[in-house]
Amino acid sequence: MIRPLILSVALLALTACGGLDKARQMPQEEIAAMSDEDVCGYLSTFAYKGRLPEAWQNEATRRGLNRCIDEGIKKRAVDTKIDRDKPILCPQGQSTQDSRCW
């Protein structure tokens, strides 16, 4: 339970701060200097978004962090399923009594 929460918080932090675009441009040497935890967070986020830069893929392979990519893909699949399961009649941007729309 804690692990998905950490992933969600990391995802929000990375995208909210605009660090994702900067991270996309990082050279391999700069990525290599980062901790496994930080690299894993970025890998998960890139995988969730669906666009994994080659330098980051190379680093995932080098460090054996492909599980981080898998976590991002799984998180995206869960979120997509939740979105698909919401009734079509859920009003966008409006409150409703139907808990399936929350």
N, C-alpha and C. Protein backbone atom coordinates (compact mmCIF):
# COMPACT_ATOMS: atom_id res chain seq x y z
N MET A 1 0.82 -1.19 0.00
CA MET A 1 0.00 0.00 0.00
C MET A 1 0.86 1.25 0.00
N ILE A 2 1.94 1.23 0.75
CA ILE A 2 2.82 2.39 0.82
C ILE A 2 3.52 2.62 -0.52
N ARG A 3 3.94 1.57 -1.18
CA ARG A 3 4.68 1.68 -2.44
C ARG A 3 3.88 2.44 -3.51
N PRO A 4 2.60 2.09 -3.76
CA PRO A 4 1.84 2.86 -4.76
C PRO A 4 1.67 4.32 -4.36
N LEU A 5 1.54 4.57 -3.06
CA LEU A 5 1.41 5.95 -2.59
C LEU A 5 2.67 6.73 -2.89
N ILE A 6 3.82 6.13 -2.64
CA ILE A 6 5.10 6.79 -2.92
C ILE A 6 5.22 7.06 -4.41
N LEU A 7 4.83 6.10 -5.23
CA LEU A 7 4.89 6.27 -6.68
C LEU A 7 3.98 7.42 -7.12
N SER A 8 2.78 7.49 -6.56
CA SER A 8 1.85 8.56 -6.92
C SER A 8 2.40 9.92 -6.52
N VAL A 9 2.97 10.00 -5.32
CA VAL A 9 3.53 11.27 -4.84
C VAL A 9 4.71 11.67 -5.71
N ALA A 10 5.55 10.70 -6.06
CA ALA A 10 6.70 11.00 -6.91
C ALA A 10 6.24 11.47 -8.29
N LEU A 11 5.22 10.83 -8.81
CA LEU A 11 4.68 11.22 -10.11
C LEU A 11 4.17 12.66 -10.08
N LEU A 12 3.42 12.99 -9.06
CA LEU A 12 2.91 14.35 -8.93
C LEU A 12 4.03 15.37 -8.77
N ALA A 13 5.00 15.04 -7.95
CA ALA A 13 6.11 15.97 -7.71
C ALA A 13 6.91 16.21 -8.98
N LEU A 14 7.16 15.16 -9.72
CA LEU A 14 7.96 15.30 -10.93
C LEU A 14 7.25 16.11 -12.01
N THR A 15 5.96 15.88 -12.17
CA THR A 15 5.24 16.59 -13.21
C THR A 15 4.87 17.99 -12.80
N ALA A 16 4.57 18.20 -11.53
CA ALA A 16 4.16 19.52 -11.05
C ALA A 16 5.30 20.52 -11.10
N CYS A 17 6.48 20.07 -10.84
CA CYS A 17 7.62 20.98 -10.78
C CYS A 17 8.23 21.25 -12.15
N GLY A 18 7.73 20.63 -13.18
CA GLY A 18 8.28 20.85 -14.51
C GLY A 18 9.63 20.17 -14.69
N GLY A 19 10.03 19.35 -13.74
CA GLY A 19 11.31 18.67 -13.81
C GLY A 19 11.36 17.57 -14.85
N LEU A 20 10.22 17.18 -15.32
CA LEU A 20 10.17 16.09 -16.28
C LEU A 20 10.81 16.48 -17.61
N ASP A 21 10.53 17.68 -18.08
CA ASP A 21 11.14 18.13 -19.33
C ASP A 21 12.65 18.26 -19.19
N LYS A 22 13.08 18.78 -18.05
CA LYS A 22 14.52 18.92 -17.79
C LYS A 22 15.18 17.53 -17.73
N ALA A 23 14.50 16.61 -17.04
CA ALA A 23 15.04 15.25 -16.92
C ALA A 23 15.14 14.56 -18.27
N ARG A 24 14.20 14.82 -19.14
CA ARG A 24 14.22 14.24 -20.49
C ARG A 24 15.49 14.59 -21.25
N GLN A 25 16.02 15.79 -20.97
CA GLN A 25 17.19 16.29 -21.68
C GLN A 25 18.52 15.92 -21.02
N MET A 26 18.47 15.27 -19.85
CA MET A 26 19.69 14.96 -19.11
C MET A 26 20.60 14.03 -19.91
N PRO A 27 21.90 14.32 -19.87
CA PRO A 27 22.84 13.40 -20.51
C PRO A 27 23.04 12.16 -19.64
N GLN A 28 23.51 11.10 -20.25
CA GLN A 28 23.71 9.82 -19.56
C GLN A 28 24.57 9.98 -18.31
N GLU A 29 25.60 10.82 -18.35
CA GLU A 29 26.51 10.99 -17.22
C GLU A 29 25.78 11.58 -16.01
N GLU A 30 24.88 12.50 -16.25
CA GLU A 30 24.14 13.13 -15.16
C GLU A 30 23.15 12.14 -14.54
N ILE A 31 22.53 11.34 -15.36
CA ILE A 31 21.60 10.32 -14.87
C ILE A 31 22.36 9.30 -14.03
N ALA A 32 23.54 8.91 -14.49
CA ALA A 32 24.36 7.92 -13.79
C ALA A 32 24.77 8.39 -12.39
N ALA A 33 24.84 9.69 -12.18
CA ALA A 33 25.25 10.23 -10.88
C ALA A 33 24.09 10.27 -9.87
N MET A 34 22.87 10.00 -10.32
CA MET A 34 21.70 10.04 -9.44
C MET A 34 21.55 8.75 -8.66
N SER A 35 20.82 8.82 -7.54
CA SER A 35 20.57 7.62 -6.73
C SER A 35 19.59 6.70 -7.46
N ASP A 36 19.62 5.43 -7.08
CA ASP A 36 18.69 4.46 -7.67
C ASP A 36 17.24 4.89 -7.42
N GLU A 37 16.96 5.40 -6.24
CA GLU A 37 15.60 5.81 -5.89
C GLU A 37 15.12 6.94 -6.80
N ASP A 38 15.97 7.93 -7.05
CA ASP A 38 15.59 9.04 -7.92
C ASP A 38 15.41 8.56 -9.36
N VAL A 39 16.32 7.74 -9.82
CA VAL A 39 16.23 7.21 -11.18
C VAL A 39 14.95 6.39 -11.33
N CYS A 40 14.64 5.59 -10.33
CA CYS A 40 13.43 4.76 -10.37
C CYS A 40 12.18 5.64 -10.46
N GLY A 41 12.15 6.73 -9.72
CA GLY A 41 11.02 7.64 -9.77
C GLY A 41 10.81 8.22 -11.16
N TYR A 42 11.89 8.65 -11.77
CA TYR A 42 11.78 9.19 -13.13
C TYR A 42 11.38 8.11 -14.13
N LEU A 43 11.97 6.92 -14.00
CA LEU A 43 11.62 5.83 -14.91
C LEU A 43 10.14 5.50 -14.84
N SER A 44 9.61 5.43 -13.61
CA SER A 44 8.19 5.14 -13.43
C SER A 44 7.32 6.21 -14.07
N THR A 45 7.73 7.45 -13.88
CA THR A 45 6.96 8.56 -14.44
C THR A 45 7.00 8.55 -15.96
N PHE A 46 8.19 8.36 -16.53
CA PHE A 46 8.30 8.30 -17.99
C PHE A 46 7.46 7.15 -18.54
N ALA A 47 7.50 5.99 -17.88
CA ALA A 47 6.73 4.84 -18.34
C ALA A 47 5.24 5.13 -18.23
N TYR A 48 4.83 5.78 -17.16
CA TYR A 48 3.42 6.14 -16.97
C TYR A 48 2.96 7.06 -18.10
N LYS A 49 3.79 8.02 -18.45
CA LYS A 49 3.46 8.97 -19.51
C LYS A 49 3.54 8.32 -20.89
N GLY A 50 4.33 7.24 -21.01
CA GLY A 50 4.41 6.54 -22.27
C GLY A 50 5.56 6.97 -23.18
N ARG A 51 6.44 7.79 -22.66
CA ARG A 51 7.58 8.24 -23.48
C ARG A 51 8.85 8.14 -22.65
N LEU A 52 9.58 7.05 -22.83
CA LEU A 52 10.81 6.79 -22.09
C LEU A 52 12.01 7.16 -22.95
N PRO A 53 12.76 8.21 -22.55
CA PRO A 53 13.93 8.60 -23.33
C PRO A 53 14.99 7.49 -23.35
N GLU A 54 15.72 7.41 -24.41
CA GLU A 54 16.71 6.36 -24.59
C GLU A 54 17.77 6.35 -23.50
N ALA A 55 18.25 7.52 -23.09
CA ALA A 55 19.27 7.59 -22.04
C ALA A 55 18.76 6.98 -20.74
N TRP A 56 17.49 7.21 -20.44
CA TRP A 56 16.90 6.65 -19.22
C TRP A 56 16.71 5.15 -19.37
N GLN A 57 16.32 4.68 -20.52
CA GLN A 57 16.18 3.24 -20.77
C GLN A 57 17.53 2.56 -20.60
N ASN A 58 18.58 3.17 -21.14
CA ASN A 58 19.92 2.61 -21.00
C ASN A 58 20.34 2.51 -19.54
N GLU A 59 20.02 3.55 -18.76
CA GLU A 59 20.37 3.54 -17.34
C GLU A 59 19.56 2.49 -16.58
N ALA A 60 18.31 2.31 -16.93
CA ALA A 60 17.49 1.27 -16.30
C ALA A 60 18.09 -0.10 -16.54
N THR A 61 18.52 -0.34 -17.75
CA THR A 61 19.14 -1.62 -18.10
C THR A 61 20.46 -1.80 -17.36
N ARG A 62 21.27 -0.75 -17.34
CA ARG A 62 22.58 -0.82 -16.68
C ARG A 62 22.45 -1.11 -15.19
N ARG A 63 21.47 -0.50 -14.54
CA ARG A 63 21.30 -0.67 -13.09
C ARG A 63 20.36 -1.81 -12.72
N GLY A 64 19.70 -2.40 -13.68
CA GLY A 64 18.73 -3.45 -13.38
C GLY A 64 17.46 -2.89 -12.75
N LEU A 65 17.01 -1.73 -13.23
CA LEU A 65 15.83 -1.06 -12.67
C LEU A 65 14.62 -1.14 -13.60
N ASN A 66 14.57 -2.16 -14.43
CA ASN A 66 13.43 -2.29 -15.33
C ASN A 66 12.11 -2.47 -14.59
N ARG A 67 12.17 -2.93 -13.33
CA ARG A 67 10.95 -3.06 -12.52
C ARG A 67 10.28 -1.71 -12.31
N CYS A 68 11.08 -0.64 -12.29
CA CYS A 68 10.53 0.71 -12.12
C CYS A 68 9.69 1.11 -13.33
N ILE A 69 10.14 0.70 -14.50
CA ILE A 69 9.39 0.95 -15.73
C ILE A 69 8.08 0.17 -15.68
N ASP A 70 8.18 -1.09 -15.25
CA ASP A 70 6.98 -1.93 -15.13
C ASP A 70 5.97 -1.33 -14.16
N GLU A 71 6.45 -0.74 -13.05
CA GLU A 71 5.56 -0.12 -12.07
C GLU A 71 4.79 1.04 -12.70
N GLY A 72 5.47 1.85 -13.49
CA GLY A 72 4.82 2.98 -14.15
C GLY A 72 3.76 2.52 -15.14
N ILE A 73 4.07 1.48 -15.88
CA ILE A 73 3.13 0.92 -16.86
C ILE A 73 1.90 0.34 -16.14
N LYS A 74 2.14 -0.37 -15.04
CA LYS A 74 1.03 -0.95 -14.27
C LYS A 74 0.15 0.14 -13.67
N LYS A 75 0.77 1.19 -13.14
CA LYS A 75 0.01 2.29 -12.55
C LYS A 75 -0.87 2.95 -13.61
N ARG A 76 -0.34 3.13 -14.80
CA ARG A 76 -1.11 3.72 -15.89
C ARG A 76 -2.29 2.83 -16.26
N ALA A 77 -2.07 1.52 -16.29
CA ALA A 77 -3.14 0.57 -16.63
C ALA A 77 -4.25 0.64 -15.58
N VAL A 78 -3.89 0.73 -14.31
CA VAL A 78 -4.89 0.83 -13.24
C VAL A 78 -5.68 2.12 -13.39
N ASP A 79 -4.99 3.24 -13.61
CA ASP A 79 -5.67 4.53 -13.77
C ASP A 79 -6.59 4.53 -14.99
N THR A 80 -6.16 3.91 -16.06
CA THR A 80 -6.96 3.83 -17.27
C THR A 80 -8.22 3.01 -17.02
N LYS A 81 -8.07 1.90 -16.29
CA LYS A 81 -9.22 1.06 -15.97
C LYS A 81 -10.21 1.84 -15.10
N ILE A 82 -9.71 2.57 -14.12
CA ILE A 82 -10.59 3.36 -13.26
C ILE A 82 -11.37 4.37 -14.10
N ASP A 83 -10.67 5.03 -15.01
CA ASP A 83 -11.33 6.02 -15.88
C ASP A 83 -12.39 5.36 -16.75
N ARG A 84 -12.09 4.19 -17.28
CA ARG A 84 -13.05 3.49 -18.16
C ARG A 84 -14.26 2.99 -17.40
N ASP A 85 -14.07 2.67 -16.12
CA ASP A 85 -15.17 2.13 -15.32
C ASP A 85 -16.13 3.20 -14.83
N LYS A 86 -15.76 4.46 -14.95
CA LYS A 86 -16.66 5.53 -14.54
C LYS A 86 -17.83 5.60 -15.52
N PRO A 87 -19.01 5.76 -14.98
CA PRO A 87 -20.17 5.87 -15.89
C PRO A 87 -20.01 7.06 -16.84
N ILE A 88 -20.53 6.90 -18.03
CA ILE A 88 -20.46 7.96 -19.03
C ILE A 88 -21.21 9.20 -18.56
N LEU A 89 -22.19 9.02 -17.73
CA LEU A 89 -23.02 10.13 -17.29
C LEU A 89 -22.40 10.96 -16.17
N CYS A 90 -21.18 10.66 -15.74
CA CYS A 90 -20.54 11.47 -14.71
C CYS A 90 -20.24 12.84 -15.30
N PRO A 91 -20.82 13.88 -14.71
CA PRO A 91 -20.59 15.22 -15.25
C PRO A 91 -19.15 15.68 -15.04
N GLN A 92 -18.58 16.24 -16.05
CA GLN A 92 -17.21 16.74 -15.99
C GLN A 92 -17.18 18.06 -15.23
N GLY A 93 -16.39 18.12 -14.17
CA GLY A 93 -16.22 19.36 -13.43
C GLY A 93 -17.39 19.74 -12.56
N GLN A 94 -18.31 18.81 -12.31
CA GLN A 94 -19.47 19.10 -11.47
C GLN A 94 -19.55 18.04 -10.38
N SER A 95 -20.16 18.38 -9.26
CA SER A 95 -20.32 17.40 -8.20
C SER A 95 -21.52 16.50 -8.51
N THR A 96 -21.47 15.30 -7.97
CA THR A 96 -22.54 14.33 -8.18
C THR A 96 -22.66 13.46 -6.95
N GLN A 97 -23.80 12.83 -6.76
CA GLN A 97 -24.01 11.94 -5.61
C GLN A 97 -23.47 10.54 -5.90
N ASP A 98 -23.25 10.20 -7.13
CA ASP A 98 -22.79 8.87 -7.51
C ASP A 98 -21.31 8.73 -7.15
N SER A 99 -21.01 7.85 -6.20
CA SER A 99 -19.62 7.67 -5.73
C SER A 99 -18.71 7.12 -6.81
N ARG A 100 -19.25 6.49 -7.84
CA ARG A 100 -18.40 5.99 -8.92
C ARG A 100 -17.77 7.13 -9.72
N CYS A 101 -18.28 8.33 -9.58
CA CYS A 101 -17.76 9.49 -10.31
C CYS A 101 -16.66 10.21 -9.54
N TRP A 102 -16.43 9.83 -8.30
CA TRP A 102 -15.44 10.54 -7.48
C TRP A 102 -14.05 10.15 -7.85
